[in-house]
Amino acid sequence: MTTVEKTGEGELTARLAGDIDHHSVGEMRDIIDDAVDRDRPCLLVLDFGAVTFMDSSGIGLVMGRYKRMDEIGGKLKITNVPPQMRKVMRISGIDRLATIDNKGGTSK
């Protein structure tokens, strides 16, 4: 389940929940992209606080949303990422495209 809400002036937060895999990523992508198209935010925050599992489809979801925000001149921030998922994001290079905060703990 994904919900998107305005969380500030020019800011949208997409709260992702459950598994992010090839079964769920299409609906998540559609919900987020519809909100971005409608509101054209300066900042899109992807909140991973309720994500329980992520496969490579999750990396694709993040990279696609980065590209979408770049096209409209916006930025992407990723928050509440569990340590293991953050490690995968760093290995894939997402940390060079978007800010990943440390609210989900630390990983080394």
C-alpha atoms as a PDB file:
ATOM      1  CA  MET A   1       0.000   0.000   0.000  1.00  0.00           C
ATOM      2  CA  THR A   2       1.275   3.415  -0.939  1.00  0.00           C
ATOM      3  CA  THR A   3      -0.116   6.759   0.125  1.00  0.00           C
ATOM      4  CA  VAL A   4       1.035  10.140  -1.119  1.00  0.00           C
ATOM      5  CA  GLU A   5       0.350  13.375   0.709  1.00  0.00           C
ATOM      6  CA  LYS A   6       1.482  16.982   0.622  1.00  0.00           C
ATOM      7  CA  THR A   7       3.795  17.457   3.576  1.00  0.00           C
ATOM      8  CA  GLY A   8       4.978  20.993   2.953  1.00  0.00           C
ATOM      9  CA  GLU A   9       5.110  23.761   0.399  1.00  0.00           C
ATOM     10  CA  GLY A  10       6.215  22.083  -2.821  1.00  0.00           C
ATOM     11  CA  GLU A  11       6.781  18.761  -1.066  1.00  0.00           C
ATOM     12  CA  LEU A  12       5.123  15.356  -1.465  1.00  0.00           C
ATOM     13  CA  THR A  13       5.763  12.328   0.721  1.00  0.00           C
ATOM     14  CA  ALA A  14       5.053   8.839  -0.571  1.00  0.00           C
ATOM     15  CA  ARG A  15       4.716   6.399   2.320  1.00  0.00           C
ATOM     16  CA  LEU A  16       5.576   2.940   1.040  1.00  0.00           C
ATOM     17  CA  ALA A  17       4.447  -0.145   2.922  1.00  0.00           C
ATOM     18  CA  GLY A  18       4.781  -3.896   2.702  1.00  0.00           C
ATOM     19  CA  ASP A  19       6.834  -5.687   0.068  1.00  0.00           C
ATOM     20  CA  ILE A  20       8.332  -3.873  -2.894  1.00  0.00           C
ATOM     21  CA  ASP A  21       8.681  -6.530  -5.562  1.00  0.00           C
ATOM     22  CA  HIS A  22       7.626  -7.136  -9.159  1.00  0.00           C
ATOM     23  CA  HIS A  23       4.045  -7.817  -8.002  1.00  0.00           C
ATOM     24  CA  SER A  24       3.576  -4.506  -6.173  1.00  0.00           C
ATOM     25  CA  VAL A  25       5.906  -2.015  -7.829  1.00  0.00           C
ATOM     26  CA  GLY A  26       3.611  -1.147 -10.756  1.00  0.00           C
ATOM     27  CA  GLU A  27       0.814   0.112  -8.528  1.00  0.00           C
ATOM     28  CA  MET A  28       3.270   2.014  -6.320  1.00  0.00           C
ATOM     29  CA  ARG A  29       4.824   3.652  -9.376  1.00  0.00           C
ATOM     30  CA  ASP A  30       1.425   4.670 -10.765  1.00  0.00           C
ATOM     31  CA  ILE A  31       0.253   6.193  -7.470  1.00  0.00           C
ATOM     32  CA  ILE A  32       3.457   8.196  -7.015  1.00  0.00           C
ATOM     33  CA  ASP A  33       3.670   9.347 -10.645  1.00  0.00           C
ATOM     34  CA  ASP A  34       0.027  10.456 -10.671  1.00  0.00           C
ATOM     35  CA  ALA A  35       0.661  12.634  -7.601  1.00  0.00           C
ATOM     36  CA  VAL A  36       3.898  14.043  -9.071  1.00  0.00           C
ATOM     37  CA  ASP A  37       2.144  14.855 -12.369  1.00  0.00           C
ATOM     38  CA  ARG A  38      -0.726  16.528 -10.531  1.00  0.00           C
ATOM     39  CA  ASP A  39       1.264  18.546  -7.964  1.00  0.00           C
ATOM     40  CA  ARG A  40       4.688  18.964  -9.626  1.00  0.00           C
ATOM     41  CA  PRO A  41       6.563  19.138  -6.308  1.00  0.00           C
ATOM     42  CA  CYS A  42      10.065  20.532  -5.804  1.00  0.00           C
ATOM     43  CA  LEU A  43      10.811  17.625  -3.460  1.00  0.00           C
ATOM     44  CA  LEU A  44       9.540  14.048  -3.454  1.00  0.00           C
ATOM     45  CA  VAL A  45      10.195  12.089  -0.261  1.00  0.00           C
ATOM     46  CA  LEU A  46      10.015   8.295  -0.432  1.00  0.00           C
ATOM     47  CA  ASP A  47       9.373   7.019   3.108  1.00  0.00           C
ATOM     48  CA  PHE A  48      10.474   3.382   3.503  1.00  0.00           C
ATOM     49  CA  GLY A  49       9.450   3.204   7.180  1.00  0.00           C
ATOM     50  CA  ALA A  50       6.839   0.473   6.658  1.00  0.00           C
ATOM     51  CA  VAL A  51       8.625  -1.516   3.927  1.00  0.00           C
ATOM     52  CA  THR A  52       9.231  -5.109   4.993  1.00  0.00           C
ATOM     53  CA  PHE A  53      10.989  -6.460   1.885  1.00  0.00           C
ATOM     54  CA  MET A  54      12.549  -5.023  -1.251  1.00  0.00           C
ATOM     55  CA  ASP A  55      14.014  -6.767  -4.282  1.00  0.00           C
ATOM     56  CA  SER A  56      15.625  -5.179  -7.339  1.00  0.00           C
ATOM     57  CA  SER A  57      12.210  -3.814  -8.344  1.00  0.00           C
ATOM     58  CA  GLY A  58      12.566  -1.359  -5.459  1.00  0.00           C
ATOM     59  CA  ILE A  59      15.830  -0.050  -6.892  1.00  0.00           C
ATOM     60  CA  GLY A  60      14.046   0.456 -10.212  1.00  0.00           C
ATOM     61  CA  LEU A  61      11.192   2.251  -8.439  1.00  0.00           C
ATOM     62  CA  VAL A  62      13.598   4.690  -6.780  1.00  0.00           C
ATOM     63  CA  MET A  63      15.665   5.279  -9.928  1.00  0.00           C
ATOM     64  CA  GLY A  64      12.541   5.906 -11.991  1.00  0.00           C
ATOM     65  CA  ARG A  65      11.219   8.424  -9.473  1.00  0.00           C
ATOM     66  CA  TYR A  66      14.628  10.146  -9.479  1.00  0.00           C
ATOM     67  CA  LYS A  67      14.442  10.459 -13.260  1.00  0.00           C
ATOM     68  CA  ARG A  68      10.860  11.757 -13.043  1.00  0.00           C
ATOM     69  CA  MET A  69      11.804  14.426 -10.508  1.00  0.00           C
ATOM     70  CA  ASP A  70      14.889  15.402 -12.499  1.00  0.00           C
ATOM     71  CA  GLU A  71      12.686  15.932 -15.574  1.00  0.00           C
ATOM     72  CA  ILE A  72      10.568  18.490 -13.707  1.00  0.00           C
ATOM     73  CA  GLY A  73      13.513  20.136 -11.948  1.00  0.00           C
ATOM     74  CA  GLY A  74      12.812  18.571  -8.555  1.00  0.00           C
ATOM     75  CA  LYS A  75      14.787  16.582  -6.013  1.00  0.00           C
ATOM     76  CA  LEU A  76      14.332  13.166  -4.421  1.00  0.00           C
ATOM     77  CA  LYS A  77      14.879  12.283  -0.769  1.00  0.00           C
ATOM     78  CA  ILE A  78      14.656   8.796   0.701  1.00  0.00           C
ATOM     79  CA  THR A  79      13.865   8.405   4.380  1.00  0.00           C
ATOM     80  CA  ASN A  80      13.392   5.760   7.084  1.00  0.00           C
ATOM     81  CA  VAL A  81      15.347   3.147   5.133  1.00  0.00           C
ATOM     82  CA  PRO A  82      16.192   0.010   7.131  1.00  0.00           C
ATOM     83  CA  PRO A  83      19.971  -0.609   7.294  1.00  0.00           C
ATOM     84  CA  GLN A  84      20.051  -3.602   4.922  1.00  0.00           C
ATOM     85  CA  MET A  85      17.994  -1.796   2.274  1.00  0.00           C
ATOM     86  CA  ARG A  86      20.166   1.308   2.662  1.00  0.00           C
ATOM     87  CA  LYS A  87      23.236  -0.827   2.032  1.00  0.00           C
ATOM     88  CA  VAL A  88      21.695  -2.158  -1.204  1.00  0.00           C
ATOM     89  CA  MET A  89      20.793   1.392  -2.261  1.00  0.00           C
ATOM     90  CA  ARG A  90      24.359   2.563  -1.703  1.00  0.00           C
ATOM     91  CA  ILE A  91      25.793  -0.383  -3.643  1.00  0.00           C
ATOM     92  CA  SER A  92      23.457   0.427  -6.538  1.00  0.00           C
ATOM     93  CA  GLY A  93      24.555   4.101  -6.511  1.00  0.00           C
ATOM     94  CA  ILE A  94      21.239   5.601  -5.441  1.00  0.00           C
ATOM     95  CA  ASP A  95      23.009   7.628  -2.755  1.00  0.00           C
ATOM     96  CA  ARG A  96      24.677   9.614  -5.572  1.00  0.00           C
ATOM     97  CA  LEU A  97      21.267  10.514  -7.022  1.00  0.00           C
ATOM     98  CA  ALA A  98      19.181  11.182  -3.922  1.00  0.00           C
ATOM     99  CA  THR A  99      19.599  12.058  -0.270  1.00  0.00           C
ATOM    100  CA  ILE A 100      19.214   9.017   1.983  1.00  0.00           C
ATOM    101  CA  ASP A 101      18.667  10.014   5.594  1.00  0.00           C
ATOM    102  CA  ASN A 102      19.717   7.970   8.619  1.00  0.00           C
ATOM    103  CA  LYS A 103      16.401   7.720  10.469  1.00  0.00           C
ATOM    104  CA  GLY A 104      16.360   3.973   9.841  1.00  0.00           C
ATOM    105  CA  GLY A 105      19.558   3.376  11.798  1.00  0.00           C
ATOM    106  CA  THR A 106      23.165   3.074  10.694  1.00  0.00           C
ATOM    107  CA  SER A 107      24.815   0.617   8.369  1.00  0.00           C
ATOM    108  CA  LYS A 108      28.484  -0.072   7.843  1.00  0.00           C
END
